[in-house]
């Protein structure tokens, strides 16, 4: 069945109520190692950005104060 663009807009623009979201997330169950996997994924995601930011600010400090 071919969905028309208006129907697609209706599907994707629909906001879910708090009750609908609560009902959906009640059914989500985490397995034993899921929390550790999420922590590792967060570290892998944010650590390179943090390192780049620190190197940038260190470079600015070196450029203005230590040179």
PDB file of N, CA and C in Angstrom:
ATOM      1  N   UNK A   1       0.835  -1.179   0.000  1.00  0.00           N
ATOM      2  CA  UNK A   1       0.000   0.000   0.000  1.00  0.00           C
ATOM      3  C   UNK A   1       0.878   1.239   0.000  1.00  0.00           C
ATOM      4  N   UNK A   2       0.605   2.137  -0.870  1.00  0.00           N
ATOM      5  CA  UNK A   2       1.371   3.360  -1.005  1.00  0.00           C
ATOM      6  C   UNK A   2       0.813   4.419  -0.064  1.00  0.00           C
ATOM      7  N   UNK A   3       1.670   4.932   0.820  1.00  0.00           N
ATOM      8  CA  UNK A   3       1.240   5.978   1.733  1.00  0.00           C
ATOM      9  C   UNK A   3       1.441   7.330   1.071  1.00  0.00           C
ATOM     10  N   UNK A   4       0.431   8.158   1.158  1.00  0.00           N
ATOM     11  CA  UNK A   4       0.511   9.492   0.584  1.00  0.00           C
ATOM     12  C   UNK A   4       1.300  10.410   1.523  1.00  0.00           C
ATOM     13  N   UNK A   5       1.878  11.468   0.988  1.00  0.00           N
ATOM     14  CA  UNK A   5       2.661  12.378   1.833  1.00  0.00           C
ATOM     15  C   UNK A   5       1.851  12.963   2.989  1.00  0.00           C
ATOM     16  N   UNK A   6       0.554  13.242   2.776  1.00  0.00           N
ATOM     17  CA  UNK A   6      -0.264  13.777   3.859  1.00  0.00           C
ATOM     18  C   UNK A   6      -0.399  12.770   4.984  1.00  0.00           C
ATOM     19  N   UNK A   7      -0.548  11.510   4.635  1.00  0.00           N
ATOM     20  CA  UNK A   7      -0.664  10.452   5.641  1.00  0.00           C
ATOM     21  C   UNK A   7       0.654  10.306   6.404  1.00  0.00           C
ATOM     22  N   UNK A   8       1.781  10.399   5.693  1.00  0.00           N
ATOM     23  CA  UNK A   8       3.082  10.323   6.353  1.00  0.00           C
ATOM     24  C   UNK A   8       3.275  11.483   7.325  1.00  0.00           C
ATOM     25  N   UNK A   9       2.867  12.695   6.908  1.00  0.00           N
ATOM     26  CA  UNK A   9       2.970  13.843   7.802  1.00  0.00           C
ATOM     27  C   UNK A   9       2.130  13.628   9.051  1.00  0.00           C
ATOM     28  N   UNK A  10       0.959  13.059   8.881  1.00  0.00           N
ATOM     29  CA  UNK A  10       0.073  12.800  10.016  1.00  0.00           C
ATOM     30  C   UNK A  10       0.697  11.782  10.974  1.00  0.00           C
ATOM     31  N   UNK A  11       1.304  10.756  10.428  1.00  0.00           N
ATOM     32  CA  UNK A  11       1.904   9.711  11.255  1.00  0.00           C
ATOM     33  C   UNK A  11       3.096  10.263  12.041  1.00  0.00           C
ATOM     34  N   UNK A  12       3.983  10.996  11.376  1.00  0.00           N
ATOM     35  CA  UNK A  12       5.208  11.453  12.017  1.00  0.00           C
ATOM     36  C   UNK A  12       5.017  12.695  12.864  1.00  0.00           C
ATOM     37  N   UNK A  13       3.982  13.471  12.644  1.00  0.00           N
ATOM     38  CA  UNK A  13       3.792  14.685  13.420  1.00  0.00           C
ATOM     39  C   UNK A  13       2.958  14.443  14.670  1.00  0.00           C
ATOM     40  N   UNK A  14       2.408  13.275  14.825  1.00  0.00           N
ATOM     41  CA  UNK A  14       1.552  12.980  15.979  1.00  0.00           C
ATOM     42  C   UNK A  14       2.401  12.913  17.245  1.00  0.00           C
ATOM     43  N   UNK A  15       2.016  13.701  18.237  1.00  0.00           N
ATOM     44  CA  UNK A  15       2.723  13.703  19.516  1.00  0.00           C
ATOM     45  C   UNK A  15       2.062  12.678  20.433  1.00  0.00           C
ATOM     46  N   UNK A  16       2.869  11.929  21.150  1.00  0.00           N
ATOM     47  CA  UNK A  16       2.340  10.951  22.085  1.00  0.00           C
ATOM     48  C   UNK A  16       2.117  11.612  23.434  1.00  0.00           C
ATOM     49  N   UNK A  17       1.075  11.200  24.103  1.00  0.00           N
ATOM     50  CA  UNK A  17       0.792  11.735  25.421  1.00  0.00           C
ATOM     51  C   UNK A  17       1.704  11.073  26.444  1.00  0.00           C
ATOM     52  N   UNK A  18       1.754  11.659  27.630  1.00  0.00           N
ATOM     53  CA  UNK A  18       2.589  11.103  28.687  1.00  0.00           C
ATOM     54  C   UNK A  18       2.139   9.698  29.052  1.00  0.00           C
ATOM     55  N   UNK A  19       0.858   9.456  29.050  1.00  0.00           N
ATOM     56  CA  UNK A  19       0.339   8.126  29.375  1.00  0.00           C
ATOM     57  C   UNK A  19       0.775   7.096  28.331  1.00  0.00           C
ATOM     58  N   UNK A  20       0.741   7.478  27.073  1.00  0.00           N
ATOM     59  CA  UNK A  20       1.180   6.563  26.009  1.00  0.00           C
ATOM     60  C   UNK A  20       2.669   6.241  26.144  1.00  0.00           C
ATOM     61  N   UNK A  21       3.461   7.265  26.450  1.00  0.00           N
ATOM     62  CA  UNK A  21       4.892   7.035  26.616  1.00  0.00           C
ATOM     63  C   UNK A  21       5.169   6.166  27.839  1.00  0.00           C
ATOM     64  N   UNK A  22       4.469   6.428  28.940  1.00  0.00           N
ATOM     65  CA  UNK A  22       4.658   5.605  30.143  1.00  0.00           C
ATOM     66  C   UNK A  22       4.297   4.150  29.863  1.00  0.00           C
ATOM     67  N   UNK A  23       3.201   3.939  29.148  1.00  0.00           N
ATOM     68  CA  UNK A  23       2.774   2.579  28.822  1.00  0.00           C
ATOM     69  C   UNK A  23       3.820   1.882  27.950  1.00  0.00           C
ATOM     70  N   UNK A  24       4.366   2.622  26.989  1.00  0.00           N
ATOM     71  CA  UNK A  24       5.376   2.033  26.099  1.00  0.00           C
ATOM     72  C   UNK A  24       6.632   1.649  26.880  1.00  0.00           C
ATOM     73  N   UNK A  25       7.119   2.557  27.746  1.00  0.00           N
ATOM     74  CA  UNK A  25       8.382   2.307  28.435  1.00  0.00           C
ATOM     75  C   UNK A  25       8.241   1.331  29.593  1.00  0.00           C
ATOM     76  N   UNK A  26       7.025   1.071  30.063  1.00  0.00           N
ATOM     77  CA  UNK A  26       6.826   0.027  31.069  1.00  0.00           C
ATOM     78  C   UNK A  26       7.144  -1.349  30.488  1.00  0.00           C
ATOM     79  N   UNK A  27       6.896  -1.514  29.207  1.00  0.00           N
ATOM     80  CA  UNK A  27       7.106  -2.813  28.578  1.00  0.00           C
ATOM     81  C   UNK A  27       8.570  -3.062  28.212  1.00  0.00           C
ATOM     82  N   UNK A  28       9.401  -2.027  28.282  1.00  0.00           N
ATOM     83  CA  UNK A  28      10.813  -2.174  27.952  1.00  0.00           C
ATOM     84  C   UNK A  28      11.543  -2.737  29.173  1.00  0.00           C
ATOM     85  N   UNK A  29      12.192  -3.859  28.979  1.00  0.00           N
ATOM     86  CA  UNK A  29      12.938  -4.480  30.060  1.00  0.00           C
ATOM     87  C   UNK A  29      14.416  -4.548  29.673  1.00  0.00           C
ATOM     88  N   UNK A  30      15.268  -4.117  30.599  1.00  0.00           N
ATOM     89  CA  UNK A  30      16.699  -4.171  30.357  1.00  0.00           C
ATOM     90  C   UNK A  30      17.236  -5.530  30.771  1.00  0.00           C
ATOM     91  N   UNK A  31      18.179  -6.026  30.007  1.00  0.00           N
ATOM     92  CA  UNK A  31      18.813  -7.285  30.349  1.00  0.00           C
ATOM     93  C   UNK A  31      19.971  -7.024  31.311  1.00  0.00           C
ATOM     94  N   UNK A  32      20.640  -8.063  31.722  1.00  0.00           N
ATOM     95  CA  UNK A  32      21.653  -7.976  32.765  1.00  0.00           C
ATOM     96  C   UNK A  32      22.778  -6.996  32.421  1.00  0.00           C
ATOM     97  N   UNK A  33      23.318  -7.037  31.241  1.00  0.00           N
ATOM     98  CA  UNK A  33      24.470  -6.209  30.881  1.00  0.00           C
ATOM     99  C   UNK A  33      24.122  -4.930  30.159  1.00  0.00           C
ATOM    100  N   UNK A  34      22.855  -4.575  30.074  1.00  0.00           N
ATOM    101  CA  UNK A  34      22.466  -3.407  29.298  1.00  0.00           C
ATOM    102  C   UNK A  34      22.976  -2.103  29.901  1.00  0.00           C
ATOM    103  N   UNK A  35      22.926  -1.981  31.229  1.00  0.00           N
ATOM    104  CA  UNK A  35      23.363  -0.732  31.845  1.00  0.00           C
ATOM    105  C   UNK A  35      24.852  -0.504  31.606  1.00  0.00           C
ATOM    106  N   UNK A  36      25.643  -1.541  31.786  1.00  0.00           N
ATOM    107  CA  UNK A  36      27.079  -1.435  31.538  1.00  0.00           C
ATOM    108  C   UNK A  36      27.348  -1.079  30.071  1.00  0.00           C
ATOM    109  N   UNK A  37      26.601  -1.667  29.170  1.00  0.00           N
ATOM    110  CA  UNK A  37      26.772  -1.367  27.744  1.00  0.00           C
ATOM    111  C   UNK A  37      26.436   0.096  27.460  1.00  0.00           C
ATOM    112  N   UNK A  38      25.405   0.631  28.116  1.00  0.00           N
ATOM    113  CA  UNK A  38      25.049   2.040  27.907  1.00  0.00           C
ATOM    114  C   UNK A  38      26.120   2.961  28.482  1.00  0.00           C
ATOM    115  N   UNK A  39      26.703   2.600  29.610  1.00  0.00           N
ATOM    116  CA  UNK A  39      27.775   3.408  30.194  1.00  0.00           C
ATOM    117  C   UNK A  39      28.996   3.411  29.274  1.00  0.00           C
ATOM    118  N   UNK A  40      29.377   2.247  28.787  1.00  0.00           N
ATOM    119  CA  UNK A  40      30.520   2.150  27.867  1.00  0.00           C
ATOM    120  C   UNK A  40      30.252   2.938  26.588  1.00  0.00           C
ATOM    121  N   UNK A  41      29.038   2.850  26.065  1.00  0.00           N
ATOM    122  CA  UNK A  41      28.688   3.609  24.859  1.00  0.00           C
ATOM    123  C   UNK A  41      28.767   5.110  25.121  1.00  0.00           C
ATOM    124  N   UNK A  42      28.333   5.545  26.299  1.00  0.00           N
ATOM    125  CA  UNK A  42      28.431   6.960  26.649  1.00  0.00           C
ATOM    126  C   UNK A  42      29.868   7.425  26.734  1.00  0.00           C
ATOM    127  N   UNK A  43      30.716   6.597  27.333  1.00  0.00           N
ATOM    128  CA  UNK A  43      32.137   6.947  27.438  1.00  0.00           C
ATOM    129  C   UNK A  43      32.771   7.026  26.056  1.00  0.00           C
ATOM    130  N   UNK A  44      32.480   6.053  25.214  1.00  0.00           N
ATOM    131  CA  UNK A  44      33.035   6.043  23.854  1.00  0.00           C
ATOM    132  C   UNK A  44      32.545   7.253  23.058  1.00  0.00           C
ATOM    133  N   UNK A  45      31.329   7.698  23.332  1.00  0.00           N
ATOM    134  CA  UNK A  45      30.758   8.825  22.604  1.00  0.00           C
ATOM    135  C   UNK A  45      31.314  10.156  23.086  1.00  0.00           C
ATOM    136  N   UNK A  46      31.367  10.362  24.404  1.00  0.00           N
ATOM    137  CA  UNK A  46      31.696  11.677  24.935  1.00  0.00           C
ATOM    138  C   UNK A  46      33.179  11.894  25.212  1.00  0.00           C
ATOM    139  N   UNK A  47      33.932  10.857  25.458  1.00  0.00           N
ATOM    140  CA  UNK A  47      35.345  11.011  25.788  1.00  0.00           C
ATOM    141  C   UNK A  47      36.155  11.653  24.656  1.00  0.00           C
ATOM    142  N   UNK A  48      36.006  11.242  23.409  1.00  0.00           N
ATOM    143  CA  UNK A  48      36.776  11.920  22.343  1.00  0.00           C
ATOM    144  C   UNK A  48      36.432  13.404  22.221  1.00  0.00           C
ATOM    145  N   UNK A  49      35.170  13.761  22.388  1.00  0.00           N
ATOM    146  CA  UNK A  49      34.763  15.173  22.316  1.00  0.00           C
ATOM    147  C   UNK A  49      35.384  15.946  23.476  1.00  0.00           C
ATOM    148  N   UNK A  50      35.374  15.352  24.658  1.00  0.00           N
ATOM    149  CA  UNK A  50      35.972  15.992  25.822  1.00  0.00           C
ATOM    150  C   UNK A  50      37.473  16.182  25.634  1.00  0.00           C
ATOM    151  N   UNK A  51      38.137  15.188  25.101  1.00  0.00           N
ATOM    152  CA  UNK A  51      39.584  15.287  24.866  1.00  0.00           C
ATOM    153  C   UNK A  51      39.893  16.393  23.864  1.00  0.00           C
ATOM    154  N   UNK A  52      39.134  16.467  22.796  1.00  0.00           N
ATOM    155  CA  UNK A  52      39.345  17.521  21.791  1.00  0.00           C
ATOM    156  C   UNK A  52      39.122  18.899  22.408  1.00  0.00           C
ATOM    157  N   UNK A  53      38.088  19.046  23.214  1.00  0.00           N
ATOM    158  CA  UNK A  53      37.814  20.331  23.854  1.00  0.00           C
ATOM    159  C   UNK A  53      38.941  20.713  24.806  1.00  0.00           C
ATOM    160  N   UNK A  54      39.424  19.754  25.597  1.00  0.00           N
ATOM    161  CA  UNK A  54      40.519  20.050  26.516  1.00  0.00           C
ATOM    162  C   UNK A  54      41.801  20.434  25.780  1.00  0.00           C
ATOM    163  N   UNK A  55      42.103  19.736  24.707  1.00  0.00           N
ATOM    164  CA  UNK A  55      43.293  20.072  23.909  1.00  0.00           C
ATOM    165  C   UNK A  55      43.139  21.462  23.303  1.00  0.00           C
ATOM    166  N   UNK A  56      41.961  21.796  22.853  1.00  0.00           N
ATOM    167  CA  UNK A  56      41.703  23.122  22.278  1.00  0.00           C
ATOM    168  C   UNK A  56      41.939  24.214  23.316  1.00  0.00           C
ATOM    169  N   UNK A  57      41.365  24.044  24.507  1.00  0.00           N
ATOM    170  CA  UNK A  57      41.528  25.059  25.540  1.00  0.00           C
ATOM    171  C   UNK A  57      42.974  25.117  26.053  1.00  0.00           C
ATOM    172  N   UNK A  58      43.633  23.981  26.131  1.00  0.00           N
ATOM    173  CA  UNK A  58      45.046  23.975  26.497  1.00  0.00           C
ATOM    174  C   UNK A  58      45.860  24.731  25.439  1.00  0.00           C
ATOM    175  N   UNK A  59      45.535  24.520  24.180  1.00  0.00           N
ATOM    176  CA  UNK A  59      46.224  25.232  23.108  1.00  0.00           C
ATOM    177  C   UNK A  59      46.001  26.733  23.185  1.00  0.00           C
ATOM    178  N   UNK A  60      44.778  27.150  23.500  1.00  0.00           N
ATOM    179  CA  UNK A  60      44.517  28.577  23.664  1.00  0.00           C
ATOM    180  C   UNK A  60      45.285  29.152  24.855  1.00  0.00           C
ATOM    181  N   UNK A  61      45.301  28.426  25.972  1.00  0.00           N
ATOM    182  CA  UNK A  61      46.032  28.882  27.138  1.00  0.00           C
ATOM    183  C   UNK A  61      47.514  28.985  26.824  1.00  0.00           C
ATOM    184  N   UNK A  62      48.074  28.028  26.124  1.00  0.00           N
ATOM    185  CA  UNK A  62      49.480  28.048  25.749  1.00  0.00           C
ATOM    186  C   UNK A  62      49.759  29.242  24.829  1.00  0.00           C
ATOM    187  N   UNK A  63      48.850  29.446  23.881  1.00  0.00           N
ATOM    188  CA  UNK A  63      49.030  30.516  22.917  1.00  0.00           C
ATOM    189  C   UNK A  63      49.029  31.885  23.573  1.00  0.00           C
ATOM    190  N   UNK A  64      48.133  32.100  24.530  1.00  0.00           N
ATOM    191  CA  UNK A  64      48.016  33.431  25.139  1.00  0.00           C
ATOM    192  C   UNK A  64      48.897  33.642  26.363  1.00  0.00           C
ATOM    193  N   UNK A  65      49.161  32.610  27.135  1.00  0.00           N
ATOM    194  CA  UNK A  65      49.844  32.818  28.411  1.00  0.00           C
ATOM    195  C   UNK A  65      51.242  32.211  28.500  1.00  0.00           C
ATOM    196  N   UNK A  66      51.495  31.122  27.836  1.00  0.00           N
ATOM    197  CA  UNK A  66      52.743  30.417  28.064  1.00  0.00           C
ATOM    198  C   UNK A  66      53.762  30.612  26.946  1.00  0.00           C
ATOM    199  N   UNK A  67      53.396  31.223  25.896  1.00  0.00           N
ATOM    200  CA  UNK A  67      54.290  31.381  24.763  1.00  0.00           C
ATOM    201  C   UNK A  67      55.274  32.447  24.954  1.00  0.00           C
TER     202      UNK A  67
END
